[in-house]
Amino acid sequence: MTERTSGHHVTLSGEYDIARRQELMDLFRSIQGGPVTMDMTDVSYIDSTFIAELATMRFRLDGSSVTLVGVQPNIARVLQVAKLDRFFIFGSPA
């Protein structure tokens, strides 16, 4: 369950829920400008906390692309239900 940022590439892993809210806020707010690629290959669970922080980051980076790669089907479904899928580019891990 680690995150790292290198430029505008972010790698996430583990479960993201209310217990990790501050961690997400700090990480997402550290991203200034875009484009951003977020590798979610090892993310197994998200809740509304993650959705809110992801949406906040996306709208703060208005005009910059945010690509989510390696999104698991269960997480992609959550983003679709929340109607956030249209604000992101989905791709495969490199």
PDB file of N, CA and C in Angstrom:
ATOM      1  N   MET A   1       0.831  -1.179   0.000  1.00  0.00           N
ATOM      2  CA  MET A   1       0.000   0.000   0.000  1.00  0.00           C
ATOM      3  C   MET A   1       0.877   1.245   0.000  1.00  0.00           C
ATOM      4  N   THR A   2       1.543   1.462  -1.105  1.00  0.00           N
ATOM      5  CA  THR A   2       2.412   2.628  -1.187  1.00  0.00           C
ATOM      6  C   THR A   2       2.027   3.468  -2.389  1.00  0.00           C
ATOM      7  N   GLU A   3       2.384   4.711  -2.315  1.00  0.00           N
ATOM      8  CA  GLU A   3       2.226   5.617  -3.439  1.00  0.00           C
ATOM      9  C   GLU A   3       3.571   6.259  -3.678  1.00  0.00           C
ATOM     10  N   ARG A   4       3.810   6.641  -4.895  1.00  0.00           N
ATOM     11  CA  ARG A   4       5.003   7.425  -5.170  1.00  0.00           C
ATOM     12  C   ARG A   4       4.680   8.341  -6.332  1.00  0.00           C
ATOM     13  N   THR A   5       5.288   9.463  -6.328  1.00  0.00           N
ATOM     14  CA  THR A   5       5.119  10.369  -7.452  1.00  0.00           C
ATOM     15  C   THR A   5       6.476  10.608  -8.079  1.00  0.00           C
ATOM     16  N   SER A   6       6.518  10.641  -9.345  1.00  0.00           N
ATOM     17  CA  SER A   6       7.729  10.940 -10.083  1.00  0.00           C
ATOM     18  C   SER A   6       7.297  11.794 -11.258  1.00  0.00           C
ATOM     19  N   GLY A   7       7.472  13.090 -11.133  1.00  0.00           N
ATOM     20  CA  GLY A   7       6.932  13.975 -12.148  1.00  0.00           C
ATOM     21  C   GLY A   7       5.430  13.919 -12.079  1.00  0.00           C
ATOM     22  N   HIS A   8       4.838  13.482 -13.162  1.00  0.00           N
ATOM     23  CA  HIS A   8       3.380  13.397 -13.213  1.00  0.00           C
ATOM     24  C   HIS A   8       2.922  11.953 -13.378  1.00  0.00           C
ATOM     25  N   HIS A   9       3.712  11.035 -12.895  1.00  0.00           N
ATOM     26  CA  HIS A   9       3.322   9.624 -12.889  1.00  0.00           C
ATOM     27  C   HIS A   9       3.102   9.221 -11.434  1.00  0.00           C
ATOM     28  N   VAL A  10       1.926   8.706 -11.153  1.00  0.00           N
ATOM     29  CA  VAL A  10       1.580   8.317  -9.789  1.00  0.00           C
ATOM     30  C   VAL A  10       1.236   6.833  -9.798  1.00  0.00           C
ATOM     31  N   THR A  11       1.814   6.093  -8.871  1.00  0.00           N
ATOM     32  CA  THR A  11       1.502   4.678  -8.729  1.00  0.00           C
ATOM     33  C   THR A  11       0.789   4.484  -7.393  1.00  0.00           C
ATOM     34  N   LEU A  12      -0.395   3.897  -7.448  1.00  0.00           N
ATOM     35  CA  LEU A  12      -1.192   3.643  -6.257  1.00  0.00           C
ATOM     36  C   LEU A  12      -1.296   2.147  -6.031  1.00  0.00           C
ATOM     37  N   SER A  13      -1.483   1.747  -4.779  1.00  0.00           N
ATOM     38  CA  SER A  13      -1.713   0.326  -4.504  1.00  0.00           C
ATOM     39  C   SER A  13      -2.484   0.174  -3.205  1.00  0.00           C
ATOM     40  N   GLY A  14      -3.228  -0.910  -3.133  1.00  0.00           N
ATOM     41  CA  GLY A  14      -3.965  -1.235  -1.916  1.00  0.00           C
ATOM     42  C   GLY A  14      -5.403  -0.775  -1.961  1.00  0.00           C
ATOM     43  N   GLU A  15      -5.941  -0.563  -0.769  1.00  0.00           N
ATOM     44  CA  GLU A  15      -7.327  -0.143  -0.606  1.00  0.00           C
ATOM     45  C   GLU A  15      -7.360   1.317  -0.189  1.00  0.00           C
ATOM     46  N   TYR A  16      -8.270   2.082  -0.780  1.00  0.00           N
ATOM     47  CA  TYR A  16      -8.401   3.498  -0.461  1.00  0.00           C
ATOM     48  C   TYR A  16      -9.785   3.773   0.083  1.00  0.00           C
ATOM     49  N   ASP A  17      -9.824   4.121   1.367  1.00  0.00           N
ATOM     50  CA  ASP A  17     -11.067   4.450   2.036  1.00  0.00           C
ATOM     51  C   ASP A  17     -10.824   5.618   2.981  1.00  0.00           C
ATOM     52  N   ILE A  18     -11.772   5.902   3.836  1.00  0.00           N
ATOM     53  CA  ILE A  18     -11.696   7.066   4.722  1.00  0.00           C
ATOM     54  C   ILE A  18     -10.432   7.063   5.580  1.00  0.00           C
ATOM     55  N   ALA A  19      -9.932   5.903   5.933  1.00  0.00           N
ATOM     56  CA  ALA A  19      -8.729   5.813   6.770  1.00  0.00           C
ATOM     57  C   ALA A  19      -7.498   6.396   6.071  1.00  0.00           C
ATOM     58  N   ARG A  20      -7.523   6.475   4.757  1.00  0.00           N
ATOM     59  CA  ARG A  20      -6.371   6.983   3.994  1.00  0.00           C
ATOM     60  C   ARG A  20      -6.655   8.342   3.358  1.00  0.00           C
ATOM     61  N   ARG A  21      -7.690   9.024   3.840  1.00  0.00           N
ATOM     62  CA  ARG A  21      -8.099  10.298   3.244  1.00  0.00           C
ATOM     63  C   ARG A  21      -6.963  11.323   3.244  1.00  0.00           C
ATOM     64  N   GLN A  22      -6.318  11.532   4.378  1.00  0.00           N
ATOM     65  CA  GLN A  22      -5.260  12.541   4.461  1.00  0.00           C
ATOM     66  C   GLN A  22      -4.109  12.204   3.514  1.00  0.00           C
ATOM     67  N   GLU A  23      -3.776  10.947   3.445  1.00  0.00           N
ATOM     68  CA  GLU A  23      -2.726  10.477   2.539  1.00  0.00           C
ATOM     69  C   GLU A  23      -3.073  10.820   1.093  1.00  0.00           C
ATOM     70  N   LEU A  24      -4.325  10.552   0.700  1.00  0.00           N
ATOM     71  CA  LEU A  24      -4.776  10.870  -0.662  1.00  0.00           C
ATOM     72  C   LEU A  24      -4.762  12.371  -0.904  1.00  0.00           C
ATOM     73  N   MET A  25      -5.278  13.127   0.063  1.00  0.00           N
ATOM     74  CA  MET A  25      -5.308  14.584  -0.087  1.00  0.00           C
ATOM     75  C   MET A  25      -3.899  15.122  -0.310  1.00  0.00           C
ATOM     76  N   ASP A  26      -2.959  14.676   0.506  1.00  0.00           N
ATOM     77  CA  ASP A  26      -1.580  15.148   0.382  1.00  0.00           C
ATOM     78  C   ASP A  26      -0.981  14.773  -0.968  1.00  0.00           C
ATOM     79  N   LEU A  27      -1.200  13.531  -1.368  1.00  0.00           N
ATOM     80  CA  LEU A  27      -0.656  13.060  -2.641  1.00  0.00           C
ATOM     81  C   LEU A  27      -1.255  13.810  -3.820  1.00  0.00           C
ATOM     82  N   PHE A  28      -2.576  13.869  -3.887  1.00  0.00           N
ATOM     83  CA  PHE A  28      -3.228  14.499  -5.033  1.00  0.00           C
ATOM     84  C   PHE A  28      -2.971  16.001  -5.086  1.00  0.00           C
ATOM     85  N   ARG A  29      -2.866  16.649  -3.947  1.00  0.00           N
ATOM     86  CA  ARG A  29      -2.583  18.084  -3.933  1.00  0.00           C
ATOM     87  C   ARG A  29      -1.144  18.397  -4.298  1.00  0.00           C
ATOM     88  N   SER A  30      -0.267  17.411  -4.188  1.00  0.00           N
ATOM     89  CA  SER A  30       1.135  17.632  -4.574  1.00  0.00           C
ATOM     90  C   SER A  30       1.304  17.663  -6.088  1.00  0.00           C
ATOM     91  N   ILE A  31       0.305  17.211  -6.817  1.00  0.00           N
ATOM     92  CA  ILE A  31       0.362  17.190  -8.284  1.00  0.00           C
ATOM     93  C   ILE A  31      -0.041  18.563  -8.796  1.00  0.00           C
ATOM     94  N   GLN A  32       0.889  19.225  -9.426  1.00  0.00           N
ATOM     95  CA  GLN A  32       0.658  20.566  -9.958  1.00  0.00           C
ATOM     96  C   GLN A  32       0.772  20.517 -11.473  1.00  0.00           C
ATOM     97  N   GLY A  33      -0.301  20.781 -12.163  1.00  0.00           N
ATOM     98  CA  GLY A  33      -0.294  20.746 -13.622  1.00  0.00           C
ATOM     99  C   GLY A  33      -0.404  19.333 -14.148  1.00  0.00           C
ATOM    100  N   GLY A  34      -0.463  19.227 -15.446  1.00  0.00           N
ATOM    101  CA  GLY A  34      -0.620  17.929 -16.065  1.00  0.00           C
ATOM    102  C   GLY A  34       0.228  17.861 -17.301  1.00  0.00           C
ATOM    103  N   PRO A  35       0.161  16.830 -18.051  1.00  0.00           N
ATOM    104  CA  PRO A  35      -0.719  15.671 -17.896  1.00  0.00           C
ATOM    105  C   PRO A  35      -0.270  14.761 -16.752  1.00  0.00           C
ATOM    106  N   VAL A  36      -1.218  13.960 -16.290  1.00  0.00           N
ATOM    107  CA  VAL A  36      -0.973  13.045 -15.186  1.00  0.00           C
ATOM    108  C   VAL A  36      -1.324  11.636 -15.641  1.00  0.00           C
ATOM    109  N   THR A  37      -0.471  10.678 -15.306  1.00  0.00           N
ATOM    110  CA  THR A  37      -0.768   9.263 -15.508  1.00  0.00           C
ATOM    111  C   THR A  37      -0.787   8.610 -14.139  1.00  0.00           C
ATOM    112  N   MET A  38      -1.891   7.945 -13.835  1.00  0.00           N
ATOM    113  CA  MET A  38      -2.056   7.308 -12.539  1.00  0.00           C
ATOM    114  C   MET A  38      -2.203   5.800 -12.754  1.00  0.00           C
ATOM    115  N   ASP A  39      -1.211   5.045 -12.288  1.00  0.00           N
ATOM    116  CA  ASP A  39      -1.232   3.588 -12.414  1.00  0.00           C
ATOM    117  C   ASP A  39      -2.005   3.011 -11.239  1.00  0.00           C
ATOM    118  N   MET A  40      -3.149   2.403 -11.540  1.00  0.00           N
ATOM    119  CA  MET A  40      -4.026   1.838 -10.510  1.00  0.00           C
ATOM    120  C   MET A  40      -4.073   0.316 -10.575  1.00  0.00           C
ATOM    121  N   THR A  41      -3.071  -0.283 -11.198  1.00  0.00           N
ATOM    122  CA  THR A  41      -3.032  -1.731 -11.371  1.00  0.00           C
ATOM    123  C   THR A  41      -3.200  -2.479 -10.061  1.00  0.00           C
ATOM    124  N   ASP A  42      -2.584  -1.974  -8.993  1.00  0.00           N
ATOM    125  CA  ASP A  42      -2.612  -2.671  -7.709  1.00  0.00           C
ATOM    126  C   ASP A  42      -3.612  -2.097  -6.717  1.00  0.00           C
ATOM    127  N   VAL A  43      -4.572  -1.319  -7.210  1.00  0.00           N
ATOM    128  CA  VAL A  43      -5.625  -0.794  -6.333  1.00  0.00           C
ATOM    129  C   VAL A  43      -6.772  -1.800  -6.338  1.00  0.00           C
ATOM    130  N   SER A  44      -7.122  -2.274  -5.150  1.00  0.00           N
ATOM    131  CA  SER A  44      -8.147  -3.316  -5.049  1.00  0.00           C
ATOM    132  C   SER A  44      -9.503  -2.809  -4.576  1.00  0.00           C
ATOM    133  N   TYR A  45      -9.537  -1.603  -4.004  1.00  0.00           N
ATOM    134  CA  TYR A  45     -10.802  -1.091  -3.461  1.00  0.00           C
ATOM    135  C   TYR A  45     -10.739   0.426  -3.367  1.00  0.00           C
ATOM    136  N   ILE A  46     -11.852   1.075  -3.712  1.00  0.00           N
ATOM    137  CA  ILE A  46     -12.002   2.513  -3.486  1.00  0.00           C
ATOM    138  C   ILE A  46     -13.382   2.760  -2.898  1.00  0.00           C
ATOM    139  N   ASP A  47     -13.496   3.832  -2.121  1.00  0.00           N
ATOM    140  CA  ASP A  47     -14.808   4.231  -1.639  1.00  0.00           C
ATOM    141  C   ASP A  47     -15.047   5.680  -2.042  1.00  0.00           C
ATOM    142  N   SER A  48     -16.085   6.285  -1.492  1.00  0.00           N
ATOM    143  CA  SER A  48     -16.443   7.649  -1.869  1.00  0.00           C
ATOM    144  C   SER A  48     -15.350   8.653  -1.516  1.00  0.00           C
ATOM    145  N   THR A  49     -14.528   8.342  -0.533  1.00  0.00           N
ATOM    146  CA  THR A  49     -13.413   9.218  -0.178  1.00  0.00           C
ATOM    147  C   THR A  49     -12.456   9.345  -1.354  1.00  0.00           C
ATOM    148  N   PHE A  50     -12.096   8.223  -1.938  1.00  0.00           N
ATOM    149  CA  PHE A  50     -11.194   8.219  -3.092  1.00  0.00           C
ATOM    150  C   PHE A  50     -11.844   8.960  -4.257  1.00  0.00           C
ATOM    151  N   ILE A  51     -13.111   8.675  -4.503  1.00  0.00           N
ATOM    152  CA  ILE A  51     -13.819   9.315  -5.612  1.00  0.00           C
ATOM    153  C   ILE A  51     -13.810  10.829  -5.439  1.00  0.00           C
ATOM    154  N   ALA A  52     -14.089  11.293  -4.234  1.00  0.00           N
ATOM    155  CA  ALA A  52     -14.115  12.740  -3.983  1.00  0.00           C
ATOM    156  C   ALA A  52     -12.745  13.368  -4.191  1.00  0.00           C
ATOM    157  N   GLU A  53     -11.701  12.744  -3.691  1.00  0.00           N
ATOM    158  CA  GLU A  53     -10.357  13.299  -3.838  1.00  0.00           C
ATOM    159  C   GLU A  53      -9.888  13.251  -5.288  1.00  0.00           C
ATOM    160  N   LEU A  54     -10.216  12.172  -5.994  1.00  0.00           N
ATOM    161  CA  LEU A  54      -9.860  12.056  -7.409  1.00  0.00           C
ATOM    162  C   LEU A  54     -10.573  13.136  -8.226  1.00  0.00           C
ATOM    163  N   ALA A  55     -11.863  13.331  -7.964  1.00  0.00           N
ATOM    164  CA  ALA A  55     -12.628  14.351  -8.678  1.00  0.00           C
ATOM    165  C   ALA A  55     -12.094  15.753  -8.383  1.00  0.00           C
ATOM    166  N   THR A  56     -11.755  16.006  -7.122  1.00  0.00           N
ATOM    167  CA  THR A  56     -11.208  17.304  -6.738  1.00  0.00           C
ATOM    168  C   THR A  56      -9.909  17.581  -7.485  1.00  0.00           C
ATOM    169  N   MET A  57      -9.031  16.572  -7.542  1.00  0.00           N
ATOM    170  CA  MET A  57      -7.772  16.734  -8.268  1.00  0.00           C
ATOM    171  C   MET A  57      -8.042  16.996  -9.745  1.00  0.00           C
ATOM    172  N   ARG A  58      -8.935  16.216 -10.325  1.00  0.00           N
ATOM    173  CA  ARG A  58      -9.218  16.345 -11.762  1.00  0.00           C
ATOM    174  C   ARG A  58      -9.727  17.742 -12.097  1.00  0.00           C
ATOM    175  N   PHE A  59     -10.640  18.245 -11.300  1.00  0.00           N
ATOM    176  CA  PHE A  59     -11.197  19.559 -11.598  1.00  0.00           C
ATOM    177  C   PHE A  59     -10.208  20.680 -11.297  1.00  0.00           C
ATOM    178  N   ARG A  60      -9.325  20.476 -10.336  1.00  0.00           N
ATOM    179  CA  ARG A  60      -8.279  21.448 -10.060  1.00  0.00           C
ATOM    180  C   ARG A  60      -7.303  21.528 -11.236  1.00  0.00           C
ATOM    181  N   LEU A  61      -7.097  20.408 -11.915  1.00  0.00           N
ATOM    182  CA  LEU A  61      -6.194  20.352 -13.067  1.00  0.00           C
ATOM    183  C   LEU A  61      -6.937  20.607 -14.371  1.00  0.00           C
ATOM    184  N   ASP A  62      -7.974  21.389 -14.318  1.00  0.00           N
ATOM    185  CA  ASP A  62      -8.808  21.689 -15.481  1.00  0.00           C
ATOM    186  C   ASP A  62      -7.948  21.989 -16.707  1.00  0.00           C
ATOM    187  N   GLY A  63      -8.246  21.307 -17.783  1.00  0.00           N
ATOM    188  CA  GLY A  63      -7.503  21.496 -19.019  1.00  0.00           C
ATOM    189  C   GLY A  63      -6.347  20.538 -19.212  1.00  0.00           C
ATOM    190  N   SER A  64      -5.954  19.846 -18.154  1.00  0.00           N
ATOM    191  CA  SER A  64      -4.876  18.860 -18.255  1.00  0.00           C
ATOM    192  C   SER A  64      -5.466  17.463 -18.301  1.00  0.00           C
ATOM    193  N   SER A  65      -4.855  16.593 -19.070  1.00  0.00           N
ATOM    194  CA  SER A  65      -5.361  15.233 -19.147  1.00  0.00           C
ATOM    195  C   SER A  65      -4.921  14.434 -17.924  1.00  0.00           C
ATOM    196  N   VAL A  66      -5.814  13.550 -17.481  1.00  0.00           N
ATOM    197  CA  VAL A  66      -5.511  12.608 -16.407  1.00  0.00           C
ATOM    198  C   VAL A  66      -5.850  11.228 -16.943  1.00  0.00           C
ATOM    199  N   THR A  67      -4.827  10.382 -17.053  1.00  0.00           N
ATOM    200  CA  THR A  67      -4.990   9.030 -17.572  1.00  0.00           C
ATOM    201  C   THR A  67      -4.898   8.042 -16.428  1.00  0.00           C
ATOM    202  N   LEU A  68      -5.893   7.173 -16.339  1.00  0.00           N
ATOM    203  CA  LEU A  68      -5.904   6.108 -15.342  1.00  0.00           C
ATOM    204  C   LEU A  68      -5.568   4.808 -16.060  1.00  0.00           C
ATOM    205  N   VAL A  69      -4.497   4.155 -15.642  1.00  0.00           N
ATOM    206  CA  VAL A  69      -4.100   2.905 -16.281  1.00  0.00           C
ATOM    207  C   VAL A  69      -4.242   1.752 -15.298  1.00  0.00           C
ATOM    208  N   GLY A  70      -4.522   0.577 -15.835  1.00  0.00           N
ATOM    209  CA  GLY A  70      -4.607  -0.629 -15.032  1.00  0.00           C
ATOM    210  C   GLY A  70      -5.787  -0.663 -14.082  1.00  0.00           C
ATOM    211  N   VAL A  71      -6.853   0.044 -14.413  1.00  0.00           N
ATOM    212  CA  VAL A  71      -8.019   0.100 -13.525  1.00  0.00           C
ATOM    213  C   VAL A  71      -8.740  -1.252 -13.547  1.00  0.00           C
ATOM    214  N   GLN A  72      -8.910  -1.830 -12.368  1.00  0.00           N
ATOM    215  CA  GLN A  72      -9.601  -3.113 -12.239  1.00  0.00           C
ATOM    216  C   GLN A  72     -11.077  -2.933 -12.603  1.00  0.00           C
ATOM    217  N   PRO A  73     -11.727  -3.975 -13.146  1.00  0.00           N
ATOM    218  CA  PRO A  73     -13.129  -3.851 -13.568  1.00  0.00           C
ATOM    219  C   PRO A  73     -14.073  -3.363 -12.469  1.00  0.00           C
ATOM    220  N   ASN A  74     -13.883  -3.819 -11.234  1.00  0.00           N
ATOM    221  CA  ASN A  74     -14.778  -3.386 -10.159  1.00  0.00           C
ATOM    222  C   ASN A  74     -14.625  -1.882  -9.882  1.00  0.00           C
ATOM    223  N   ILE A  75     -13.429  -1.371 -10.014  1.00  0.00           N
ATOM    224  CA  ILE A  75     -13.190   0.051  -9.786  1.00  0.00           C
ATOM    225  C   ILE A  75     -13.683   0.876 -10.973  1.00  0.00           C
ATOM    226  N   ALA A  76     -13.487   0.379 -12.178  1.00  0.00           N
ATOM    227  CA  ALA A  76     -14.002   1.056 -13.366  1.00  0.00           C
ATOM    228  C   ALA A  76     -15.519   1.187 -13.269  1.00  0.00           C
ATOM    229  N   ARG A  77     -16.164   0.164 -12.764  1.00  0.00           N
ATOM    230  CA  ARG A  77     -17.628   0.186 -12.609  1.00  0.00           C
ATOM    231  C   ARG A  77     -18.049   1.262 -11.610  1.00  0.00           C
ATOM    232  N   VAL A  78     -17.344   1.384 -10.512  1.00  0.00           N
ATOM    233  CA  VAL A  78     -17.651   2.424  -9.525  1.00  0.00           C
ATOM    234  C   VAL A  78     -17.518   3.807 -10.163  1.00  0.00           C
ATOM    235  N   LEU A  79     -16.465   4.025 -10.934  1.00  0.00           N
ATOM    236  CA  LEU A  79     -16.269   5.315 -11.598  1.00  0.00           C
ATOM    237  C   LEU A  79     -17.358   5.576 -12.630  1.00  0.00           C
ATOM    238  N   GLN A  80     -17.828   4.526 -13.302  1.00  0.00           N
ATOM    239  CA  GLN A  80     -18.924   4.669 -14.259  1.00  0.00           C
ATOM    240  C   GLN A  80     -20.217   5.037 -13.549  1.00  0.00           C
ATOM    241  N   VAL A  81     -20.515   4.354 -12.463  1.00  0.00           N
ATOM    242  CA  VAL A  81     -21.740   4.634 -11.714  1.00  0.00           C
ATOM    243  C   VAL A  81     -21.731   6.071 -11.194  1.00  0.00           C
ATOM    244  N   ALA A  82     -20.559   6.536 -10.761  1.00  0.00           N
ATOM    245  CA  ALA A  82     -20.423   7.911 -10.266  1.00  0.00           C
ATOM    246  C   ALA A  82     -20.368   8.929 -11.415  1.00  0.00           C
ATOM    247  N   LYS A  83     -20.398   8.427 -12.643  1.00  0.00           N
ATOM    248  CA  LYS A  83     -20.336   9.236 -13.858  1.00  0.00           C
ATOM    249  C   LYS A  83     -19.049  10.066 -13.955  1.00  0.00           C
ATOM    250  N   LEU A  84     -17.981   9.538 -13.383  1.00  0.00           N
ATOM    251  CA  LEU A  84     -16.682  10.198 -13.468  1.00  0.00           C
ATOM    252  C   LEU A  84     -15.826   9.654 -14.597  1.00  0.00           C
ATOM    253  N   ASP A  85     -16.228   8.547 -15.179  1.00  0.00           N
ATOM    254  CA  ASP A  85     -15.423   7.932 -16.229  1.00  0.00           C
ATOM    255  C   ASP A  85     -15.208   8.857 -17.417  1.00  0.00           C
ATOM    256  N   ARG A  86     -16.110   9.759 -17.653  1.00  0.00           N
ATOM    257  CA  ARG A  86     -15.988  10.653 -18.817  1.00  0.00           C
ATOM    258  C   ARG A  86     -14.942  11.753 -18.626  1.00  0.00           C
ATOM    259  N   PHE A  87     -14.440  11.918 -17.409  1.00  0.00           N
ATOM    260  CA  PHE A  87     -13.449  12.949 -17.122  1.00  0.00           C
ATOM    261  C   PHE A  87     -12.018  12.444 -17.163  1.00  0.00           C
ATOM    262  N   PHE A  88     -11.847  11.148 -17.446  1.00  0.00           N
ATOM    263  CA  PHE A  88     -10.535  10.544 -17.439  1.00  0.00           C
ATOM    264  C   PHE A  88     -10.298   9.763 -18.720  1.00  0.00           C
ATOM    265  N   ILE A  89      -9.043   9.584 -19.054  1.00  0.00           N
ATOM    266  CA  ILE A  89      -8.641   8.708 -20.149  1.00  0.00           C
ATOM    267  C   ILE A  89      -8.262   7.384 -19.491  1.00  0.00           C
ATOM    268  N   PHE A  90      -8.732   6.278 -20.041  1.00  0.00           N
ATOM    269  CA  PHE A  90      -8.402   4.963 -19.482  1.00  0.00           C
ATOM    270  C   PHE A  90      -7.419   4.277 -20.429  1.00  0.00           C
ATOM    271  N   GLY A  91      -6.378   3.686 -19.835  1.00  0.00           N
ATOM    272  CA  GLY A  91      -5.371   3.026 -20.640  1.00  0.00           C
ATOM    273  C   GLY A  91      -4.859   1.783 -19.979  1.00  0.00           C
ATOM    274  N   SER A  92      -3.972   1.112 -20.659  1.00  0.00           N
ATOM    275  CA  SER A  92      -3.337  -0.092 -20.140  1.00  0.00           C
ATOM    276  C   SER A  92      -1.966   0.268 -19.595  1.00  0.00           C
ATOM    277  N   PRO A  93      -1.515  -0.455 -18.565  1.00  0.00           N
ATOM    278  CA  PRO A  93      -0.174  -0.194 -18.030  1.00  0.00           C
ATOM    279  C   PRO A  93       0.886  -0.416 -19.097  1.00  0.00           C
ATOM    280  N   ALA A  94       1.964   0.338 -18.989  1.00  0.00           N
ATOM    281  CA  ALA A  94       3.057   0.223 -19.975  1.00  0.00           C
ATOM    282  C   ALA A  94       3.857  -1.029 -19.735  1.00  0.00           C
TER     283      ALA A  94
END
